[in-house]
Amino acid sequence: MDTSNRVLARVVGTFRNKGMPNIQKIAEKVKEEVVDFRQYVAMAMAMRTDGIKERHWQKISNSVGFEVKPFEGFTL
């Protein structure tokens, strides 16, 4: 279990223990979204590597069906 899971589990538990079910539901939703997002982190980290060549961007673009290229101010 990574740090974000531990922290979010504690947050959910805190709201449960304090009898705050509405806020607990929000915290549970955030925790779920973080878990779902985790699968994309490695790809996002790889895409920011300076070693990615034009051919790599072309392959990514072909895979997703639209052009993906870095530019000044490019963010994911």
PDB file of N, CA and C in Angstrom:
ATOM      1  N   MET A   1       0.852  -1.182   0.000  1.00  0.00           N
ATOM      2  CA  MET A   1       0.000   0.000   0.000  1.00  0.00           C
ATOM      3  C   MET A   1       0.888   1.232   0.000  1.00  0.00           C
ATOM      4  N   ASP A   2       0.658   2.140  -0.929  1.00  0.00           N
ATOM      5  CA  ASP A   2       1.499   3.329  -0.996  1.00  0.00           C
ATOM      6  C   ASP A   2       1.001   4.419  -0.046  1.00  0.00           C
ATOM      7  N   THR A   3       1.723   5.504  -0.024  1.00  0.00           N
ATOM      8  CA  THR A   3       1.410   6.598   0.898  1.00  0.00           C
ATOM      9  C   THR A   3       0.016   7.170   0.671  1.00  0.00           C
ATOM     10  N   SER A   4      -0.362   7.377  -0.594  1.00  0.00           N
ATOM     11  CA  SER A   4      -1.674   7.974  -0.856  1.00  0.00           C
ATOM     12  C   SER A   4      -2.793   7.076  -0.340  1.00  0.00           C
ATOM     13  N   ASN A   5      -2.648   5.765  -0.514  1.00  0.00           N
ATOM     14  CA  ASN A   5      -3.672   4.851   0.004  1.00  0.00           C
ATOM     15  C   ASN A   5      -3.773   4.919   1.519  1.00  0.00           C
ATOM     16  N   ARG A   6      -2.626   4.944   2.185  1.00  0.00           N
ATOM     17  CA  ARG A   6      -2.638   4.999   3.654  1.00  0.00           C
ATOM     18  C   ARG A   6      -3.299   6.289   4.135  1.00  0.00           C
ATOM     19  N   VAL A   7      -2.918   7.395   3.530  1.00  0.00           N
ATOM     20  CA  VAL A   7      -3.469   8.687   3.960  1.00  0.00           C
ATOM     21  C   VAL A   7      -4.972   8.723   3.713  1.00  0.00           C
ATOM     22  N   LEU A   8      -5.384   8.318   2.513  1.00  0.00           N
ATOM     23  CA  LEU A   8      -6.814   8.363   2.206  1.00  0.00           C
ATOM     24  C   LEU A   8      -7.615   7.387   3.050  1.00  0.00           C
ATOM     25  N   ALA A   9      -7.051   6.227   3.359  1.00  0.00           N
ATOM     26  CA  ALA A   9      -7.746   5.279   4.244  1.00  0.00           C
ATOM     27  C   ALA A   9      -7.935   5.889   5.630  1.00  0.00           C
ATOM     28  N   ARG A  10      -6.921   6.604   6.109  1.00  0.00           N
ATOM     29  CA  ARG A  10      -7.047   7.274   7.419  1.00  0.00           C
ATOM     30  C   ARG A  10      -8.096   8.375   7.370  1.00  0.00           C
ATOM     31  N   VAL A  11      -8.127   9.121   6.270  1.00  0.00           N
ATOM     32  CA  VAL A  11      -9.116  10.198   6.136  1.00  0.00           C
ATOM     33  C   VAL A  11     -10.529   9.614   6.156  1.00  0.00           C
ATOM     34  N   VAL A  12     -10.738   8.552   5.365  1.00  0.00           N
ATOM     35  CA  VAL A  12     -12.055   7.907   5.333  1.00  0.00           C
ATOM     36  C   VAL A  12     -12.426   7.420   6.737  1.00  0.00           C
ATOM     37  N   GLY A  13     -11.485   6.783   7.413  1.00  0.00           N
ATOM     38  CA  GLY A  13     -11.731   6.283   8.768  1.00  0.00           C
ATOM     39  C   GLY A  13     -12.049   7.396   9.754  1.00  0.00           C
ATOM     40  N   THR A  14     -11.353   8.506   9.628  1.00  0.00           N
ATOM     41  CA  THR A  14     -11.597   9.645  10.516  1.00  0.00           C
ATOM     42  C   THR A  14     -13.021  10.148  10.370  1.00  0.00           C
ATOM     43  N   PHE A  15     -13.472  10.320   9.115  1.00  0.00           N
ATOM     44  CA  PHE A  15     -14.834  10.812   8.907  1.00  0.00           C
ATOM     45  C   PHE A  15     -15.876   9.780   9.347  1.00  0.00           C
ATOM     46  N   ARG A  16     -15.560   8.493   9.197  1.00  0.00           N
ATOM     47  CA  ARG A  16     -16.474   7.445   9.663  1.00  0.00           C
ATOM     48  C   ARG A  16     -16.580   7.517  11.186  1.00  0.00           C
ATOM     49  N   ASN A  17     -15.434   7.612  11.863  1.00  0.00           N
ATOM     50  CA  ASN A  17     -15.412   7.641  13.331  1.00  0.00           C
ATOM     51  C   ASN A  17     -16.067   8.887  13.902  1.00  0.00           C
ATOM     52  N   LYS A  18     -16.027   9.985  13.181  1.00  0.00           N
ATOM     53  CA  LYS A  18     -16.623  11.231  13.668  1.00  0.00           C
ATOM     54  C   LYS A  18     -18.094  11.353  13.275  1.00  0.00           C
ATOM     55  N   GLY A  19     -18.620  10.306  12.615  1.00  0.00           N
ATOM     56  CA  GLY A  19     -20.035  10.325  12.258  1.00  0.00           C
ATOM     57  C   GLY A  19     -20.365  11.361  11.201  1.00  0.00           C
ATOM     58  N   MET A  20     -19.523  11.448  10.194  1.00  0.00           N
ATOM     59  CA  MET A  20     -19.726  12.411   9.104  1.00  0.00           C
ATOM     60  C   MET A  20     -19.884  11.646   7.785  1.00  0.00           C
ATOM     61  N   PRO A  21     -21.033  10.966   7.601  1.00  0.00           N
ATOM     62  CA  PRO A  21     -21.192  10.075   6.449  1.00  0.00           C
ATOM     63  C   PRO A  21     -21.120  10.774   5.095  1.00  0.00           C
ATOM     64  N   ASN A  22     -21.614  11.990   4.991  1.00  0.00           N
ATOM     65  CA  ASN A  22     -21.562  12.690   3.699  1.00  0.00           C
ATOM     66  C   ASN A  22     -20.127  12.993   3.285  1.00  0.00           C
ATOM     67  N   ILE A  23     -19.337  13.465   4.224  1.00  0.00           N
ATOM     68  CA  ILE A  23     -17.942  13.755   3.931  1.00  0.00           C
ATOM     69  C   ILE A  23     -17.173  12.450   3.743  1.00  0.00           C
ATOM     70  N   GLN A  24     -17.536  11.421   4.468  1.00  0.00           N
ATOM     71  CA  GLN A  24     -16.910  10.113   4.301  1.00  0.00           C
ATOM     72  C   GLN A  24     -17.116   9.615   2.866  1.00  0.00           C
ATOM     73  N   LYS A  25     -18.321   9.772   2.320  1.00  0.00           N
ATOM     74  CA  LYS A  25     -18.596   9.344   0.946  1.00  0.00           C
ATOM     75  C   LYS A  25     -17.725  10.092  -0.049  1.00  0.00           C
ATOM     76  N   ILE A  26     -17.523  11.382   0.186  1.00  0.00           N
ATOM     77  CA  ILE A  26     -16.656  12.174  -0.693  1.00  0.00           C
ATOM     78  C   ILE A  26     -15.230  11.646  -0.623  1.00  0.00           C
ATOM     79  N   ALA A  27     -14.751  11.392   0.583  1.00  0.00           N
ATOM     80  CA  ALA A  27     -13.391  10.870   0.761  1.00  0.00           C
ATOM     81  C   ALA A  27     -13.245   9.504   0.107  1.00  0.00           C
ATOM     82  N   GLU A  28     -14.257   8.660   0.204  1.00  0.00           N
ATOM     83  CA  GLU A  28     -14.211   7.343  -0.441  1.00  0.00           C
ATOM     84  C   GLU A  28     -14.147   7.485  -1.960  1.00  0.00           C
ATOM     85  N   LYS A  29     -14.879   8.442  -2.503  1.00  0.00           N
ATOM     86  CA  LYS A  29     -14.868   8.691  -3.954  1.00  0.00           C
ATOM     87  C   LYS A  29     -13.493   9.165  -4.396  1.00  0.00           C
ATOM     88  N   VAL A  30     -12.894  10.067  -3.641  1.00  0.00           N
ATOM     89  CA  VAL A  30     -11.552  10.561  -3.971  1.00  0.00           C
ATOM     90  C   VAL A  30     -10.551   9.409  -3.927  1.00  0.00           C
ATOM     91  N   LYS A  31     -10.651   8.572  -2.912  1.00  0.00           N
ATOM     92  CA  LYS A  31      -9.753   7.419  -2.794  1.00  0.00           C
ATOM     93  C   LYS A  31      -9.894   6.507  -4.005  1.00  0.00           C
ATOM     94  N   GLU A  32     -11.119   6.255  -4.415  1.00  0.00           N
ATOM     95  CA  GLU A  32     -11.381   5.410  -5.585  1.00  0.00           C
ATOM     96  C   GLU A  32     -10.776   6.028  -6.854  1.00  0.00           C
ATOM     97  N   GLU A  33     -10.919   7.334  -7.010  1.00  0.00           N
ATOM     98  CA  GLU A  33     -10.381   8.012  -8.191  1.00  0.00           C
ATOM     99  C   GLU A  33      -8.854   7.959  -8.210  1.00  0.00           C
ATOM    100  N   VAL A  34      -8.228   8.076  -7.047  1.00  0.00           N
ATOM    101  CA  VAL A  34      -6.763   7.980  -6.968  1.00  0.00           C
ATOM    102  C   VAL A  34      -6.315   6.575  -7.373  1.00  0.00           C
ATOM    103  N   VAL A  35      -7.015   5.565  -6.890  1.00  0.00           N
ATOM    104  CA  VAL A  35      -6.685   4.179  -7.246  1.00  0.00           C
ATOM    105  C   VAL A  35      -6.836   3.979  -8.755  1.00  0.00           C
ATOM    106  N   ASP A  36      -7.910   4.488  -9.333  1.00  0.00           N
ATOM    107  CA  ASP A  36      -8.131   4.361 -10.777  1.00  0.00           C
ATOM    108  C   ASP A  36      -7.057   5.088 -11.582  1.00  0.00           C
ATOM    109  N   PHE A  37      -6.618   6.242 -11.100  1.00  0.00           N
ATOM    110  CA  PHE A  37      -5.616   7.041 -11.814  1.00  0.00           C
ATOM    111  C   PHE A  37      -4.232   6.403 -11.776  1.00  0.00           C
ATOM    112  N   ARG A  38      -3.944   5.634 -10.742  1.00  0.00           N
ATOM    113  CA  ARG A  38      -2.616   5.061 -10.537  1.00  0.00           C
ATOM    114  C   ARG A  38      -2.103   4.321 -11.777  1.00  0.00           C
ATOM    115  N   GLN A  39      -2.992   3.683 -12.536  1.00  0.00           N
ATOM    116  CA  GLN A  39      -2.568   2.925 -13.712  1.00  0.00           C
ATOM    117  C   GLN A  39      -1.948   3.811 -14.793  1.00  0.00           C
ATOM    118  N   TYR A  40      -2.196   5.098 -14.766  1.00  0.00           N
ATOM    119  CA  TYR A  40      -1.677   6.006 -15.795  1.00  0.00           C
ATOM    120  C   TYR A  40      -0.379   6.705 -15.394  1.00  0.00           C
ATOM    121  N   VAL A  41       0.016   6.584 -14.155  1.00  0.00           N
ATOM    122  CA  VAL A  41       1.176   7.318 -13.660  1.00  0.00           C
ATOM    123  C   VAL A  41       2.458   6.919 -14.386  1.00  0.00           C
ATOM    124  N   ALA A  42       2.698   5.627 -14.561  1.00  0.00           N
ATOM    125  CA  ALA A  42       3.919   5.177 -15.229  1.00  0.00           C
ATOM    126  C   ALA A  42       3.989   5.713 -16.659  1.00  0.00           C
ATOM    127  N   MET A  43       2.867   5.690 -17.363  1.00  0.00           N
ATOM    128  CA  MET A  43       2.843   6.205 -18.729  1.00  0.00           C
ATOM    129  C   MET A  43       3.111   7.711 -18.740  1.00  0.00           C
ATOM    130  N   ALA A  44       2.502   8.439 -17.843  1.00  0.00           N
ATOM    131  CA  ALA A  44       2.711   9.884 -17.784  1.00  0.00           C
ATOM    132  C   ALA A  44       4.168  10.206 -17.481  1.00  0.00           C
ATOM    133  N   MET A  45       4.773   9.459 -16.575  1.00  0.00           N
ATOM    134  CA  MET A  45       6.190   9.675 -16.259  1.00  0.00           C
ATOM    135  C   MET A  45       7.069   9.365 -17.471  1.00  0.00           C
ATOM    136  N   ALA A  46       6.748   8.296 -18.186  1.00  0.00           N
ATOM    137  CA  ALA A  46       7.531   7.927 -19.373  1.00  0.00           C
ATOM    138  C   ALA A  46       7.395   8.979 -20.468  1.00  0.00           C
ATOM    139  N   MET A  47       6.217   9.550 -20.609  1.00  0.00           N
ATOM    140  CA  MET A  47       5.989  10.529 -21.683  1.00  0.00           C
ATOM    141  C   MET A  47       6.713  11.848 -21.440  1.00  0.00           C
ATOM    142  N   ARG A  48       7.134  12.082 -20.234  1.00  0.00           N
ATOM    143  CA  ARG A  48       7.850  13.335 -19.980  1.00  0.00           C
ATOM    144  C   ARG A  48       9.360  13.175 -20.085  1.00  0.00           C
ATOM    145  N   THR A  49       9.809  11.961 -20.444  1.00  0.00           N
ATOM    146  CA  THR A  49      11.233  11.681 -20.597  1.00  0.00           C
ATOM    147  C   THR A  49      11.786  12.378 -21.834  1.00  0.00           C
ATOM    148  N   ASP A  50      12.943  13.003 -21.703  1.00  0.00           N
ATOM    149  CA  ASP A  50      13.561  13.690 -22.837  1.00  0.00           C
ATOM    150  C   ASP A  50      13.973  12.737 -23.953  1.00  0.00           C
ATOM    151  N   GLY A  51      14.116  11.442 -23.651  1.00  0.00           N
ATOM    152  CA  GLY A  51      14.571  10.473 -24.639  1.00  0.00           C
ATOM    153  C   GLY A  51      13.525  10.032 -25.641  1.00  0.00           C
ATOM    154  N   ILE A  52      12.294  10.508 -25.507  1.00  0.00           N
ATOM    155  CA  ILE A  52      11.257  10.116 -26.458  1.00  0.00           C
ATOM    156  C   ILE A  52      11.531  10.799 -27.791  1.00  0.00           C
ATOM    157  N   LYS A  53      11.603   9.998 -28.835  1.00  0.00           N
ATOM    158  CA  LYS A  53      11.904  10.477 -30.188  1.00  0.00           C
ATOM    159  C   LYS A  53      10.612  10.692 -30.966  1.00  0.00           C
ATOM    160  N   GLU A  54      10.749  11.323 -32.131  1.00  0.00           N
ATOM    161  CA  GLU A  54       9.601  11.582 -33.008  1.00  0.00           C
ATOM    162  C   GLU A  54       8.851  10.284 -33.325  1.00  0.00           C
ATOM    163  N   ARG A  55       9.585   9.198 -33.545  1.00  0.00           N
ATOM    164  CA  ARG A  55       8.926   7.928 -33.894  1.00  0.00           C
ATOM    165  C   ARG A  55       8.051   7.426 -32.744  1.00  0.00           C
ATOM    166  N   HIS A  56       8.461   7.724 -31.527  1.00  0.00           N
ATOM    167  CA  HIS A  56       7.652   7.322 -30.376  1.00  0.00           C
ATOM    168  C   HIS A  56       6.342   8.102 -30.328  1.00  0.00           C
ATOM    169  N   TRP A  57       6.428   9.410 -30.566  1.00  0.00           N
ATOM    170  CA  TRP A  57       5.225  10.234 -30.567  1.00  0.00           C
ATOM    171  C   TRP A  57       4.287   9.790 -31.685  1.00  0.00           C
ATOM    172  N   GLN A  58       4.865   9.413 -32.837  1.00  0.00           N
ATOM    173  CA  GLN A  58       4.044   8.945 -33.957  1.00  0.00           C
ATOM    174  C   GLN A  58       3.320   7.655 -33.583  1.00  0.00           C
ATOM    175  N   LYS A  59       4.018   6.750 -32.912  1.00  0.00           N
ATOM    176  CA  LYS A  59       3.409   5.488 -32.504  1.00  0.00           C
ATOM    177  C   LYS A  59       2.292   5.732 -31.479  1.00  0.00           C
ATOM    178  N   ILE A  60       2.533   6.626 -30.548  1.00  0.00           N
ATOM    179  CA  ILE A  60       1.494   6.980 -29.561  1.00  0.00           C
ATOM    180  C   ILE A  60       0.291   7.575 -30.279  1.00  0.00           C
ATOM    181  N   SER A  61       0.546   8.498 -31.207  1.00  0.00           N
ATOM    182  CA  SER A  61      -0.539   9.130 -31.965  1.00  0.00           C
ATOM    183  C   SER A  61      -1.349   8.095 -32.733  1.00  0.00           C
ATOM    184  N   ASN A  62      -0.661   7.157 -33.385  1.00  0.00           N
ATOM    185  CA  ASN A  62      -1.364   6.102 -34.123  1.00  0.00           C
ATOM    186  C   ASN A  62      -2.209   5.247 -33.189  1.00  0.00           C
ATOM    187  N   SER A  63      -1.701   4.971 -32.002  1.00  0.00           N
ATOM    188  CA  SER A  63      -2.420   4.118 -31.042  1.00  0.00           C
ATOM    189  C   SER A  63      -3.692   4.778 -30.515  1.00  0.00           C
ATOM    190  N   VAL A  64      -3.623   6.083 -30.252  1.00  0.00           N
ATOM    191  CA  VAL A  64      -4.790   6.758 -29.666  1.00  0.00           C
ATOM    192  C   VAL A  64      -5.733   7.343 -30.711  1.00  0.00           C
ATOM    193  N   GLY A  65      -5.261   7.422 -31.970  1.00  0.00           N
ATOM    194  CA  GLY A  65      -6.137   7.895 -33.040  1.00  0.00           C
ATOM    195  C   GLY A  65      -6.158   9.394 -33.242  1.00  0.00           C
ATOM    196  N   PHE A  66      -5.258  10.120 -32.594  1.00  0.00           N
ATOM    197  CA  PHE A  66      -5.122  11.558 -32.830  1.00  0.00           C
ATOM    198  C   PHE A  66      -3.684  11.951 -32.538  1.00  0.00           C
ATOM    199  N   GLU A  67      -3.277  13.103 -33.073  1.00  0.00           N
ATOM    200  CA  GLU A  67      -1.887  13.517 -32.937  1.00  0.00           C
ATOM    201  C   GLU A  67      -1.556  13.934 -31.509  1.00  0.00           C
ATOM    202  N   VAL A  68      -0.472  13.370 -31.021  1.00  0.00           N
ATOM    203  CA  VAL A  68       0.040  13.705 -29.697  1.00  0.00           C
ATOM    204  C   VAL A  68       1.493  14.086 -29.881  1.00  0.00           C
ATOM    205  N   LYS A  69       1.807  15.351 -29.631  1.00  0.00           N
ATOM    206  CA  LYS A  69       3.186  15.828 -29.734  1.00  0.00           C
ATOM    207  C   LYS A  69       3.406  16.870 -28.656  1.00  0.00           C
ATOM    208  N   PRO A  70       4.593  16.856 -28.088  1.00  0.00           N
ATOM    209  CA  PRO A  70       4.882  17.897 -27.086  1.00  0.00           C
ATOM    210  C   PRO A  70       5.107  19.249 -27.754  1.00  0.00           C
ATOM    211  N   PHE A  71       4.814  20.288 -27.041  1.00  0.00           N
ATOM    212  CA  PHE A  71       5.053  21.655 -27.482  1.00  0.00           C
ATOM    213  C   PHE A  71       5.338  22.482 -26.248  1.00  0.00           C
ATOM    214  N   GLU A  72       5.761  23.688 -26.434  1.00  0.00           N
ATOM    215  CA  GLU A  72       6.036  24.565 -25.290  1.00  0.00           C
ATOM    216  C   GLU A  72       4.795  24.665 -24.420  1.00  0.00           C
ATOM    217  N   GLY A  73       4.924  24.319 -23.174  1.00  0.00           N
ATOM    218  CA  GLY A  73       3.802  24.345 -22.246  1.00  0.00           C
ATOM    219  C   GLY A  73       2.963  23.067 -22.282  1.00  0.00           C
ATOM    220  N   PHE A  74       3.418  22.030 -22.992  1.00  0.00           N
ATOM    221  CA  PHE A  74       2.710  20.746 -23.082  1.00  0.00           C
ATOM    222  C   PHE A  74       2.502  20.150 -21.696  1.00  0.00           C
ATOM    223  N   THR A  75       1.272  19.757 -21.418  1.00  0.00           N
ATOM    224  CA  THR A  75       0.953  19.068 -20.166  1.00  0.00           C
ATOM    225  C   THR A  75       0.021  17.912 -20.477  1.00  0.00           C
ATOM    226  N   LEU A  76      -0.002  16.962 -19.597  1.00  0.00           N
ATOM    227  CA  LEU A  76      -0.926  15.859 -19.756  1.00  0.00           C
ATOM    228  C   LEU A  76      -2.200  16.163 -19.005  1.00  0.00           C
TER     229      LEU A  76
END
